[in-house]
Amino acid sequence: RTRGDLIFIGTAQEELGLIGMDYWLEQNPRAADMLIALDGGLPNVNYGALGIYWTRYFFRGEGSHTNSSAGKPHPARALSNAILSIYQIRIPEGQGGAVYNVGMLDGGKIFNAIPEEVSFTMDLRSVNPMLLDSLHAEIESRVTQAAEAEGVQWAKEEVTRNRAGGTEAMLADRRRHPLVQTALDVHRHLGIESRALATGSTDANAAVVRGIPAISVGRGEGGEQHTLSEWANAPSALPATRMVLLLAVSLAGLR
């Protein structure tokens, strides 16, 4: 038997903004001294939290038949100009990095009319909370400029707001925490070469941003996640399972 309690949690809607884990932590604010998320592939130990902002931007106008559309405000033109402008944003160096992506486009119902509404989605990510917010503000500024230049209205829907945990320098104390070092030692004991990374995009993020020591570790070897070419090496699940069991016992202690 272990000296400490081991709580096993199965969560829902991790991909939609860590909804399940957020709910559990909110309902059990003092239950977890540490948290380990089983997510992703071997071999790295992630102790940070990648901030993720998902936003949908809308451009709206009166619309018009193609025959009478010349010179009229055009939501699709505003959208295209906004996207072109956004992709000219340069990510500053030395601040933890960031990445963004326009993942979905939508709008219009017929060939022969100016659409009354079009939209695009923005997936913005950074471990640096200040950089995340500044880039979000810059993107919104460029959306505003594109809409005003075209003479159309714009609006936004904030879909997901996952907070950022901080850069490697900001998380220096987390890197030194016994949770991280124990995880690295367990990997090494099993012959798995591993690195500690100050990032992460799993249920562990919900704990990191609350100040709870947390990591995510892999369940096996794999790659090309979220694509039709995603793959996994089934035999690697065995050493991964051994790693998780040994890590849990090492942290909880034995009676």
Protein backbone atom coordinates (compact mmCIF):
# COMPACT_ATOMS: atom_id res chain seq x y z
CA ARG A 1 0.00 0.00 0.00
CA THR A 2 1.11 3.55 -0.65
CA ARG A 3 1.48 6.19 2.05
CA GLY A 4 -0.15 8.85 -0.09
CA ASP A 5 -3.44 8.58 -1.96
CA LEU A 6 -3.42 7.85 -5.67
CA ILE A 7 -6.47 9.34 -7.40
CA PHE A 8 -7.22 8.12 -10.92
CA ILE A 9 -9.29 10.52 -13.01
CA GLY A 10 -10.87 10.01 -16.41
CA THR A 11 -11.72 13.38 -17.94
CA ALA A 12 -13.82 14.53 -20.88
CA GLN A 13 -13.39 17.38 -23.38
CA GLU A 14 -9.64 17.84 -23.04
CA GLU A 15 -9.49 18.89 -26.69
CA LEU A 16 -12.20 21.52 -26.13
CA GLY A 17 -10.28 23.46 -23.50
CA LEU A 18 -9.44 21.08 -20.63
CA ILE A 19 -13.07 21.31 -19.51
CA GLY A 20 -13.15 18.04 -17.56
CA MET A 21 -9.91 18.60 -15.65
CA ASP A 22 -10.76 22.23 -14.96
CA TYR A 23 -14.07 21.10 -13.48
CA TRP A 24 -12.47 18.45 -11.27
CA LEU A 25 -9.85 20.85 -9.91
CA GLU A 26 -12.49 23.50 -9.23
CA GLN A 27 -14.66 20.99 -7.36
CA ASN A 28 -11.69 19.51 -5.45
CA PRO A 29 -9.42 22.50 -4.81
CA ARG A 30 -7.20 20.86 -2.15
CA ALA A 31 -7.24 17.24 -3.30
CA ALA A 32 -4.13 17.23 -5.50
CA ASP A 33 -0.60 17.86 -4.22
CA MET A 34 0.76 16.86 -7.63
CA LEU A 35 -0.79 15.88 -10.94
CA ILE A 36 0.39 13.61 -13.75
CA ALA A 37 -1.39 13.56 -17.10
CA LEU A 38 -0.98 10.49 -19.31
CA ASP A 39 -1.01 12.05 -22.73
CA GLY A 40 1.18 12.12 -25.80
CA GLY A 41 4.14 9.96 -26.69
CA LEU A 42 7.39 8.93 -25.09
CA PRO A 43 9.93 10.07 -24.05
CA ASN A 44 9.65 13.67 -22.83
CA VAL A 45 8.45 15.01 -19.47
CA ASN A 46 6.45 18.22 -19.91
CA TYR A 47 6.16 20.46 -16.86
CA GLY A 48 4.85 23.68 -18.44
CA ALA A 49 1.61 24.85 -19.98
CA LEU A 50 1.17 26.06 -23.54
CA GLY A 51 -1.39 28.85 -23.56
CA ILE A 52 -4.02 28.43 -26.26
CA TYR A 53 -6.48 31.07 -27.48
CA TRP A 54 -9.13 29.95 -29.98
CA THR A 55 -11.09 32.82 -31.51
CA ARG A 56 -13.55 33.02 -34.40
CA TYR A 57 -13.69 36.35 -36.24
CA PHE A 58 -16.75 37.40 -38.25
CA PHE A 59 -17.06 40.02 -41.01
CA ARG A 60 -20.56 41.18 -41.90
CA GLY A 61 -22.09 43.37 -44.61
CA GLU A 62 -25.31 43.96 -46.51
CA GLY A 63 -24.55 41.61 -49.39
CA SER A 64 -25.43 42.10 -53.03
CA HIS A 65 -26.03 40.25 -56.29
CA THR A 66 -22.83 39.93 -58.32
CA ASN A 67 -24.29 42.10 -61.10
CA SER A 68 -24.57 45.06 -58.74
CA SER A 69 -21.60 44.31 -56.49
CA ALA A 70 -18.93 46.56 -58.01
CA GLY A 71 -17.48 48.95 -55.45
CA LYS A 72 -19.63 47.72 -52.56
CA PRO A 73 -18.23 46.68 -49.16
CA HIS A 74 -17.25 43.02 -49.25
CA PRO A 75 -16.89 40.88 -46.09
CA ALA A 76 -14.82 38.26 -47.96
CA ARG A 77 -12.35 40.90 -49.11
CA ALA A 78 -12.01 42.16 -45.54
CA LEU A 79 -11.43 38.60 -44.34
CA SER A 80 -8.73 37.92 -46.92
CA ASN A 81 -6.96 41.20 -46.19
CA ALA A 82 -7.08 40.51 -42.46
CA ILE A 83 -5.57 37.06 -42.88
CA LEU A 84 -2.82 38.35 -45.17
CA SER A 85 -1.99 41.06 -42.65
CA ILE A 86 -1.99 38.66 -39.70
CA TYR A 87 0.48 36.35 -41.42
CA GLN A 88 2.91 39.25 -41.66
CA ILE A 89 3.16 39.47 -37.85
CA ARG A 90 6.68 38.64 -36.73
CA ILE A 91 7.17 36.63 -33.54
CA PRO A 92 9.73 38.33 -31.27
CA GLU A 93 12.76 36.28 -30.30
CA GLY A 94 13.78 35.42 -26.76
CA GLN A 95 10.27 35.46 -25.28
CA GLY A 96 9.40 31.78 -25.36
CA GLY A 97 8.10 31.67 -28.92
CA ALA A 98 4.60 31.52 -30.33
CA VAL A 99 2.69 30.01 -33.23
CA TYR A 100 -0.65 30.77 -34.82
CA ASN A 101 -2.84 29.21 -37.48
CA VAL A 102 -5.99 30.03 -39.44
CA GLY A 103 -7.66 26.64 -39.32
CA MET A 104 -11.19 27.17 -40.69
CA LEU A 105 -12.89 29.47 -43.18
CA ASP A 106 -16.64 29.79 -43.58
CA GLY A 107 -19.17 31.96 -45.35
CA GLY A 108 -21.45 32.48 -48.29
CA LYS A 109 -24.28 30.33 -49.60
CA ILE A 110 -24.35 30.91 -53.36
CA PHE A 111 -21.97 31.70 -56.20
CA ASN A 112 -23.59 34.90 -57.42
CA ALA A 113 -23.74 37.15 -54.38
CA ILE A 114 -21.55 39.03 -51.94
CA PRO A 115 -21.84 37.00 -48.73
CA GLU A 116 -23.49 38.77 -45.82
CA GLU A 117 -21.21 36.98 -43.35
CA VAL A 118 -17.85 35.23 -43.51
CA SER A 119 -15.55 34.04 -40.74
CA PHE A 120 -12.19 32.53 -39.94
CA THR A 121 -10.77 30.85 -36.86
CA MET A 122 -7.50 31.68 -35.13
CA ASP A 123 -5.50 29.19 -33.07
CA LEU A 124 -2.87 31.20 -31.16
CA ARG A 125 -0.35 29.50 -28.85
CA SER A 126 2.52 30.50 -26.57
CA VAL A 127 3.94 29.49 -23.19
CA ASN A 128 4.51 33.18 -22.39
CA PRO A 129 1.31 34.76 -21.01
CA MET A 130 2.39 38.32 -21.84
CA LEU A 131 3.38 37.42 -25.39
CA LEU A 132 0.14 35.49 -25.85
CA ASP A 133 -1.93 38.52 -24.86
CA SER A 134 0.12 40.98 -26.92
CA LEU A 135 -0.15 38.84 -30.07
CA HIS A 136 -3.88 38.42 -29.52
CA ALA A 137 -4.22 42.20 -29.28
CA GLU A 138 -2.17 42.66 -32.47
CA ILE A 139 -4.32 40.15 -34.36
CA GLU A 140 -7.48 41.90 -33.20
CA SER A 141 -6.05 45.26 -34.28
CA ARG A 142 -5.42 43.94 -37.78
CA VAL A 143 -8.92 42.49 -37.97
CA THR A 144 -10.29 45.91 -37.00
CA GLN A 145 -8.18 47.69 -39.62
CA ALA A 146 -9.26 45.29 -42.37
CA ALA A 147 -12.94 45.69 -41.50
CA GLU A 148 -12.75 49.49 -41.34
CA ALA A 149 -10.84 49.72 -44.63
CA GLU A 150 -13.53 47.66 -46.36
CA GLY A 151 -16.46 49.35 -44.63
CA VAL A 152 -17.90 46.22 -43.00
CA GLN A 153 -18.68 45.22 -39.43
CA TRP A 154 -16.74 42.65 -37.46
CA ALA A 155 -17.31 40.59 -34.33
CA LYS A 156 -15.58 37.79 -32.46
CA GLU A 157 -16.40 34.65 -30.52
CA GLU A 158 -13.93 33.61 -27.84
CA VAL A 159 -14.08 29.82 -28.04
CA THR A 160 -11.20 28.71 -25.79
CA ARG A 161 -8.94 30.52 -23.35
CA ASN A 162 -6.33 28.16 -21.89
CA ARG A 163 -3.85 30.17 -19.84
CA ALA A 164 -0.10 29.99 -20.43
CA GLY A 165 2.14 28.61 -17.69
CA GLY A 166 5.26 30.66 -18.42
CA THR A 167 8.61 30.40 -20.17
CA GLU A 168 11.45 28.13 -19.08
CA ALA A 169 12.95 31.00 -17.06
CA MET A 170 9.59 31.74 -15.42
CA LEU A 171 9.22 28.08 -14.45
CA ALA A 172 12.73 27.54 -13.05
CA ASP A 173 11.30 26.52 -9.66
CA ARG A 174 8.99 23.97 -11.32
CA ARG A 175 11.94 22.42 -13.14
CA ARG A 176 13.66 21.84 -9.80
CA HIS A 177 10.59 20.22 -8.23
CA PRO A 178 11.04 16.56 -7.15
CA LEU A 179 8.12 15.58 -9.40
CA VAL A 180 10.07 16.48 -12.53
CA GLN A 181 13.36 15.00 -11.39
CA THR A 182 11.72 11.78 -10.21
CA ALA A 183 10.01 11.38 -13.58
CA LEU A 184 13.33 11.82 -15.38
CA ASP A 185 15.02 9.33 -13.05
CA VAL A 186 12.30 6.73 -13.58
CA HIS A 187 12.59 7.07 -17.35
CA ARG A 188 16.36 6.70 -17.10
CA HIS A 189 16.04 3.65 -14.83
CA LEU A 190 13.96 1.94 -17.52
CA GLY A 191 16.40 2.87 -20.28
CA ILE A 192 14.20 5.61 -21.72
CA GLU A 193 16.17 8.73 -22.61
CA SER A 194 14.01 11.69 -21.66
CA ARG A 195 14.11 15.49 -21.46
CA ALA A 196 12.20 17.96 -19.31
CA LEU A 197 10.36 20.57 -21.39
CA ALA A 198 8.77 23.79 -20.12
CA THR A 199 5.69 23.36 -22.27
CA GLY A 200 2.72 21.06 -22.58
CA SER A 201 -0.76 20.85 -24.05
CA THR A 202 -2.59 18.32 -21.87
CA ASP A 203 -4.80 18.14 -18.79
CA ALA A 204 -1.67 18.91 -16.74
CA ASN A 205 -1.95 22.52 -17.95
CA ALA A 206 -4.99 23.04 -15.75
CA ALA A 207 -2.87 22.26 -12.69
CA VAL A 208 0.24 24.17 -13.83
CA VAL A 209 -1.62 27.48 -14.13
CA ARG A 210 -3.11 26.93 -10.65
CA GLY A 211 0.35 26.55 -9.12
CA ILE A 212 0.03 22.79 -8.61
CA PRO A 213 3.18 20.84 -9.57
CA ALA A 214 2.19 18.89 -12.66
CA ILE A 215 3.69 17.00 -15.57
CA SER A 216 2.55 15.02 -18.57
CA VAL A 217 4.24 11.80 -19.62
CA GLY A 218 3.76 9.62 -22.67
CA ARG A 219 1.84 6.37 -23.02
CA GLY A 220 4.04 4.98 -25.77
CA GLU A 221 5.85 5.89 -28.96
CA GLY A 222 3.92 7.58 -31.74
CA GLY A 223 3.79 10.55 -34.05
CA GLU A 224 1.95 12.73 -36.57
CA GLN A 225 -0.85 13.40 -34.09
CA HIS A 226 -4.10 14.88 -35.36
CA THR A 227 -3.46 13.75 -38.94
CA LEU A 228 -4.64 10.82 -41.05
CA SER A 229 -1.07 9.49 -40.81
CA GLU A 230 -1.04 9.29 -37.00
CA TRP A 231 0.74 6.17 -35.78
CA ALA A 232 1.59 4.34 -32.56
CA ASN A 233 4.09 1.63 -31.68
CA ALA A 234 2.02 -0.82 -29.61
CA PRO A 235 4.93 -2.69 -27.95
CA SER A 236 6.22 0.59 -26.50
CA ALA A 237 3.11 0.77 -24.30
CA LEU A 238 4.65 -1.85 -21.98
CA PRO A 239 7.69 0.18 -20.84
CA ALA A 240 5.45 3.24 -20.68
CA THR A 241 3.08 1.39 -18.32
CA ARG A 242 6.01 0.29 -16.17
CA MET A 243 7.20 3.89 -16.06
CA VAL A 244 3.81 5.18 -14.89
CA LEU A 245 3.47 2.54 -12.17
CA LEU A 246 7.00 3.10 -10.88
CA LEU A 247 6.52 6.87 -10.96
CA ALA A 248 3.26 6.65 -9.00
CA VAL A 249 4.77 4.40 -6.32
CA SER A 250 7.93 6.52 -6.08
CA LEU A 251 5.93 9.70 -5.48
CA ALA A 252 3.30 8.25 -3.15
CA GLY A 253 5.74 6.09 -1.18
CA LEU A 254 5.18 2.61 0.24
CA ARG A 255 4.01 1.72 3.73
